[in-house]
Protein backbone atom coordinates (compact mmCIF):
# COMPACT_ATOMS: atom_id res chain seq x y z
CA MET A 1 44.83 19.59 -79.17
CA ALA A 2 46.69 20.88 -76.19
CA PHE A 3 49.94 21.14 -77.92
CA VAL A 4 48.63 22.96 -80.95
CA ALA A 5 46.72 25.37 -78.67
CA ALA A 6 49.91 25.99 -76.73
CA VAL A 7 51.92 26.66 -80.14
CA PHE A 8 49.11 29.00 -81.16
CA ALA A 9 49.47 30.90 -77.71
CA ALA A 10 53.36 31.17 -78.19
CA LEU A 11 52.79 32.55 -81.65
CA ALA A 12 50.35 35.02 -80.46
CA VAL A 13 52.96 36.24 -78.00
CA SER A 14 55.83 36.30 -80.61
CA VAL A 15 53.96 38.10 -83.22
CA PRO A 16 53.26 41.43 -81.11
CA GLN A 17 57.01 41.29 -80.07
CA LEU A 18 58.22 41.07 -83.80
CA ILE A 19 55.79 44.09 -84.74
CA LEU A 20 56.85 46.32 -81.67
CA GLY A 21 60.48 45.28 -82.12
CA ASP A 22 60.90 44.72 -78.44
CA ALA A 23 61.49 41.33 -76.71
CA LEU A 24 58.87 41.46 -73.83
CA LEU A 25 59.89 37.68 -73.32
CA PRO A 26 62.76 35.76 -74.48
CA ARG A 27 61.92 33.41 -77.14
CA PHE A 28 63.31 30.58 -75.32
CA VAL A 29 60.89 31.36 -72.42
CA VAL A 30 57.83 31.43 -74.80
CA PHE A 31 58.55 28.28 -76.69
CA GLY A 32 60.18 26.53 -73.69
CA ALA A 33 57.18 26.85 -71.81
CA VAL A 34 55.23 25.14 -74.65
CA PHE A 35 57.65 22.11 -74.73
CA VAL A 36 57.66 21.71 -70.86
CA MET A 37 54.22 22.43 -69.69
CA VAL A 38 52.28 20.60 -72.29
CA PRO A 39 53.97 17.19 -71.53
CA TRP A 40 53.75 17.94 -67.69
CA GLN A 41 49.96 18.56 -68.01
CA VAL A 42 49.54 15.42 -70.01
CA VAL A 43 51.25 13.52 -67.29
CA ILE A 44 49.28 15.04 -64.54
CA ASN A 45 45.96 14.42 -66.35
CA ALA A 46 47.00 10.75 -67.07
CA MET A 47 47.86 10.18 -63.34
CA ALA A 48 44.43 11.67 -62.39
CA ARG A 49 42.66 9.22 -64.67
CA GLY A 50 44.47 6.45 -63.45
CA ASN A 51 43.74 7.34 -59.85
CA ARG A 52 40.08 7.50 -60.48
CA SER A 53 40.03 4.23 -62.35
CA ARG A 54 41.75 2.65 -59.56
CA ALA A 55 39.32 4.03 -57.15
CA GLU A 56 36.40 2.97 -59.20
CA GLU A 57 37.69 -0.57 -59.44
CA ARG A 58 38.29 -0.66 -55.67
CA ASP A 59 34.82 0.55 -54.80
CA ARG A 60 32.46 -1.52 -56.81
CA VAL A 61 29.05 -0.61 -55.45
CA PHE A 62 25.89 -2.96 -55.28
CA LEU A 63 22.79 -1.28 -54.40
CA VAL A 64 19.62 -2.46 -52.83
CA ALA A 65 16.94 0.03 -53.34
CA ASP A 66 14.07 0.97 -55.56
CA PRO A 67 14.72 1.74 -59.44
CA THR A 68 14.36 5.46 -58.92
CA GLU A 69 17.12 5.42 -56.38
CA ARG A 70 19.24 3.59 -58.74
CA GLU A 71 18.78 6.06 -61.59
CA ARG A 72 19.50 8.95 -59.21
CA LEU A 73 22.71 7.29 -57.83
CA THR A 74 23.91 6.56 -61.35
CA ASP A 75 23.60 10.03 -62.37
CA ASP A 76 25.24 11.26 -59.22
CA LEU A 77 28.39 9.01 -59.61
CA THR A 78 28.93 10.46 -63.14
CA LEU A 79 29.45 13.96 -61.72
CA GLU A 80 32.47 14.78 -59.46
CA PRO A 81 32.01 12.74 -56.30
CA GLU A 82 34.30 12.92 -53.22
CA HIS A 83 35.41 9.57 -53.90
CA ALA A 84 35.16 7.67 -57.11
CA ALA A 85 33.14 4.47 -57.33
CA GLN A 86 31.18 2.48 -60.00
CA LEU A 87 27.66 1.11 -59.67
CA VAL A 88 27.94 -2.84 -60.86
CA GLY A 89 24.57 -4.13 -59.93
CA SER A 90 21.41 -3.50 -57.97
CA LEU A 91 18.26 -5.28 -56.56
CA THR A 92 15.09 -4.08 -55.25
CA PRO A 93 14.35 -4.84 -51.68
CA LEU A 94 11.66 -7.37 -52.53
CA GLU A 95 14.17 -9.09 -54.92
CA ALA A 96 17.12 -8.92 -52.49
CA GLY A 97 14.92 -10.68 -49.70
CA GLY A 98 13.91 -13.75 -51.88
CA ASP A 99 10.76 -15.48 -52.02
CA GLU A 100 11.72 -18.85 -51.20
CA PRO A 101 13.21 -19.94 -47.91
CA GLY A 102 17.02 -20.98 -48.03
CA THR A 103 17.80 -18.81 -51.09
CA SER A 104 20.21 -15.94 -50.75
CA PRO A 105 19.83 -13.71 -53.98
CA LEU A 106 21.69 -10.77 -52.61
CA ILE A 107 24.76 -12.92 -51.78
CA ASP A 108 24.58 -14.59 -55.05
CA ALA A 109 24.31 -11.20 -57.08
CA VAL A 110 27.14 -9.58 -55.12
CA GLU A 111 29.49 -12.44 -55.76
CA ARG A 112 28.72 -12.56 -59.42
CA SER A 113 29.37 -8.80 -59.70
CA SER A 114 32.42 -8.89 -57.50
CA ALA A 115 31.12 -5.95 -55.58
CA THR A 116 33.18 -4.70 -52.81
CA VAL A 117 30.55 -2.21 -51.21
CA VAL A 118 26.80 -3.10 -50.50
CA VAL A 119 24.58 -0.20 -49.97
CA ILE A 120 21.03 -0.67 -48.61
CA ASP A 121 18.16 1.88 -48.14
CA ALA A 122 16.00 2.51 -45.45
CA ARG A 123 13.32 -0.02 -46.74
CA SER A 124 15.86 -2.84 -46.92
CA GLN A 125 17.07 -2.28 -43.35
CA ALA A 126 13.59 -3.03 -42.19
CA ASP A 127 13.71 -6.58 -43.98
CA ASP A 128 15.17 -9.10 -41.76
CA ARG A 129 16.31 -11.29 -44.82
CA VAL A 130 18.11 -8.50 -46.35
CA VAL A 131 19.89 -7.77 -43.13
CA ALA A 132 20.74 -11.37 -42.53
CA GLN A 133 22.57 -11.65 -45.99
CA ALA A 134 24.19 -8.45 -45.58
CA ALA A 135 25.63 -9.49 -42.18
CA LYS A 136 27.09 -12.54 -44.08
CA LEU A 137 28.65 -10.35 -46.67
CA HIS A 138 30.21 -8.29 -44.10
CA GLU A 139 31.74 -11.26 -42.44
CA SER A 140 33.21 -12.24 -45.72
CA GLY A 141 34.89 -8.77 -46.17
CA VAL A 142 32.26 -6.94 -48.13
CA ARG A 143 31.72 -3.29 -46.87
CA VAL A 144 28.09 -2.53 -45.94
CA ARG A 145 26.78 1.02 -45.91
CA THR A 146 23.41 2.55 -45.70
CA LEU A 147 22.34 4.75 -48.49
CA LEU A 148 22.67 7.86 -46.14
CA GLY A 149 26.08 6.82 -45.10
CA PHE A 150 27.23 6.34 -48.82
CA TYR A 151 25.90 9.61 -49.99
CA GLU A 152 27.57 11.40 -47.26
CA HIS A 153 31.03 9.74 -47.50
CA TRP A 154 31.32 9.15 -51.23
CA LEU A 155 29.25 11.94 -52.74
CA GLY A 156 29.49 14.65 -49.99
CA LYS A 157 25.71 15.16 -49.80
CA LEU A 158 22.48 13.61 -48.43
CA PRO A 159 19.64 11.79 -50.32
CA LEU A 160 16.27 13.57 -49.96
CA SER A 161 14.48 10.34 -49.53
CA GLU A 162 16.54 9.57 -46.21
CA LEU A 163 16.18 13.20 -45.00
CA GLU A 164 12.39 12.96 -45.07
CA ARG A 165 12.46 10.11 -42.77
CA ALA A 166 15.17 11.38 -40.53
CA SER A 167 13.08 14.59 -40.02
CA LEU A 168 10.71 12.75 -38.02
CA PHE A 169 13.18 12.22 -35.23
CA PHE A 170 13.41 15.86 -34.37
CA ASP A 171 10.83 17.83 -32.20
CA ILE A 172 9.05 20.82 -33.50
CA GLY A 173 9.28 23.39 -31.04
CA GLU A 174 5.97 24.95 -31.41
CA VAL A 175 4.17 21.54 -31.37
CA HIS A 176 5.90 19.38 -28.81
CA GLY A 177 7.39 22.09 -26.62
CA THR A 178 4.60 23.73 -24.49
CA SER A 179 6.95 25.97 -22.71
CA TYR A 180 8.33 27.22 -26.10
CA ALA A 181 4.85 28.08 -27.36
CA ARG A 182 4.08 30.22 -24.26
CA LEU A 183 7.55 32.00 -24.45
CA LYS A 184 7.06 32.61 -28.11
CA ARG A 185 3.74 34.12 -27.62
CA ILE A 186 5.11 36.51 -24.83
CA MET A 187 7.76 37.42 -27.23
CA ASP A 188 5.25 38.21 -30.01
CA LEU A 189 3.14 40.40 -27.91
CA THR A 190 6.12 42.31 -26.41
CA LEU A 191 7.67 43.04 -30.06
CA GLY A 192 4.17 43.98 -31.19
CA ILE A 193 3.63 46.67 -28.15
CA ILE A 194 7.18 47.91 -29.05
CA GLY A 195 6.25 48.17 -32.88
CA CYS A 196 3.12 49.80 -31.91
CA VAL A 197 5.00 52.65 -29.95
CA SER A 198 7.38 53.19 -32.99
CA LEU A 199 4.12 53.32 -35.19
CA VAL A 200 2.62 56.02 -33.04
CA VAL A 201 5.79 58.18 -33.30
CA MET A 202 6.24 57.73 -36.94
CA THR A 203 2.59 58.04 -38.15
CA PRO A 204 2.49 61.95 -37.92
CA ILE A 205 5.69 62.28 -39.91
CA VAL A 206 4.45 59.92 -42.54
CA VAL A 207 1.07 61.73 -42.70
CA VAL A 208 2.91 65.03 -43.48
CA GLY A 209 5.22 63.56 -45.96
CA ASN A 210 2.33 62.04 -47.66
CA LEU A 211 0.38 65.24 -48.03
CA ILE A 212 3.43 66.92 -49.49
CA ALA A 213 5.02 64.54 -51.93
CA ASN A 214 2.80 61.44 -52.34
CA ARG A 215 -0.89 62.30 -52.09
CA GLY A 216 -3.37 59.43 -52.00
CA PRO A 217 -4.36 56.91 -49.32
CA LEU A 218 -2.26 56.68 -46.38
CA MET A 219 -2.48 52.92 -45.70
CA TYR A 220 -1.85 49.95 -48.20
CA ARG A 221 -3.75 46.60 -47.66
CA GLN A 222 -2.77 43.15 -49.09
CA VAL A 223 -3.89 39.70 -48.28
CA ARG A 224 -1.10 37.38 -47.63
CA VAL A 225 -0.66 33.68 -46.65
CA GLY A 226 0.62 33.36 -43.03
CA LYS A 227 1.40 30.48 -40.83
CA GLY A 228 -0.28 27.31 -41.36
CA GLY A 229 -1.68 28.54 -44.69
CA GLU A 230 -4.07 31.01 -43.02
CA HIS A 231 -4.77 34.21 -45.05
CA PHE A 232 -4.48 37.57 -43.27
CA THR A 233 -4.38 41.27 -44.29
CA ILE A 234 -1.40 43.38 -43.78
CA LEU A 235 -1.43 47.21 -43.12
CA LYS A 236 1.48 49.29 -44.11
CA PHE A 237 2.20 52.84 -45.14
CA ARG A 238 1.70 53.13 -48.82
CA THR A 239 5.01 53.91 -50.68
CA MET A 240 3.67 53.64 -54.31
CA THR A 241 1.65 55.84 -56.61
CA ASP A 242 -2.01 55.55 -56.28
CA GLY A 243 -3.57 53.62 -59.11
CA ASP A 244 -6.45 55.98 -59.38
CA SER A 245 -4.28 59.09 -59.68
CA PRO A 246 -3.22 60.34 -63.35
CA ALA A 247 0.35 59.49 -62.33
CA GLY A 248 -0.77 55.99 -61.50
CA LYS A 249 -2.16 55.24 -64.97
CA ALA A 250 1.08 56.43 -66.76
CA PRO A 251 3.23 53.85 -68.41
CA PRO A 252 5.38 52.05 -65.68
CA GLN A 253 8.66 53.45 -65.41
CA ARG A 254 10.92 54.93 -62.81
CA ARG A 255 10.13 58.37 -62.11
CA GLN A 256 12.31 61.25 -60.84
CA TRP A 257 11.43 64.53 -59.47
CA LEU A 258 13.55 67.66 -60.16
CA ASP A 259 14.28 70.06 -57.44
CA PRO A 260 13.19 73.69 -58.64
CA GLY A 261 16.21 75.44 -60.13
CA ALA A 262 18.61 72.35 -59.57
CA SER A 263 19.84 69.87 -62.18
CA THR A 264 20.01 66.92 -59.91
CA SER A 265 17.09 64.55 -59.39
CA ARG A 266 15.97 63.30 -56.07
CA ARG A 267 13.26 60.88 -54.90
CA PRO A 268 10.19 61.78 -52.81
CA PRO A 269 10.01 60.60 -49.21
CA ARG A 270 9.23 56.88 -49.21
CA PRO A 271 8.35 55.85 -45.69
CA SER A 272 8.09 52.08 -45.41
CA HIS A 273 7.57 51.46 -41.86
CA PRO A 274 4.84 48.56 -41.71
CA THR A 275 2.37 48.63 -38.94
CA ARG A 276 2.67 46.16 -36.15
CA LEU A 277 -0.93 45.73 -35.55
CA HIS A 278 -1.62 42.51 -37.56
CA ARG A 279 1.28 40.87 -35.52
CA ALA A 280 -0.42 41.09 -32.19
CA GLY A 281 -3.45 38.97 -33.31
CA PRO A 282 -4.04 35.54 -31.68
CA ASN A 283 -2.71 33.55 -34.49
CA ARG A 284 0.14 36.00 -35.55
CA MET A 285 3.83 35.73 -34.62
CA ILE A 286 7.13 37.38 -35.09
CA PRO A 287 9.16 35.23 -37.48
CA GLY A 288 11.95 33.44 -35.72
């Protein structure tokens, strides 16, 4: 198919040259490129497939995790991973641990599948029986990786199941850091006061502009969800048409106001400076 496509491309270049009567490109260049580039591309693709096959044969992965994690890993390996690998078998943490003493189901399964890499999830790492078998496999030459380490090195990403557990080892500044909470509160109050000063300066200008070009209520109220799921009401200068006015009942479309005696359109003043009053409450804070 690649050769046929290249031939058609060469003909597509040659036909216009015959019609125009001008040799834009020499014929040996047009057809020579077909006979050189197509075999070269075939060789490169064959080498790439060969390298991937050898990498998959070298990294034969045996997974110890839940069935849902196996399905997710299987799908990820079919994409374009950083390093090619193939999944040759899996066991759940309960199956890998074994019910009877003296048995080694994980070692037996790895030997049957000729796996070269054993990947264990967080649940398996907490099972001493699985860890003991993994240690013996490691001594025999089999590489052992955590699920987090395998995803990071082979797939170039991190599994969400592992990130949920890892997030517990990081402090939340507002909860675990008392000095952070006090400093944050002082910053909120400071920025709120600065915002109130700018509000006092801008309010007269907005009132005049509202009376001239945007008649209706000065303020707009809306209930929003804040920190911790708490609902609060914001106050901001209204920048939209009042719904009770005739213009507000018109079909929704972008309106333009024309200057008298001019052919260019302009927009009316649309002040949109939100008030800072709602940010200074005891349960309000500046995002950051």
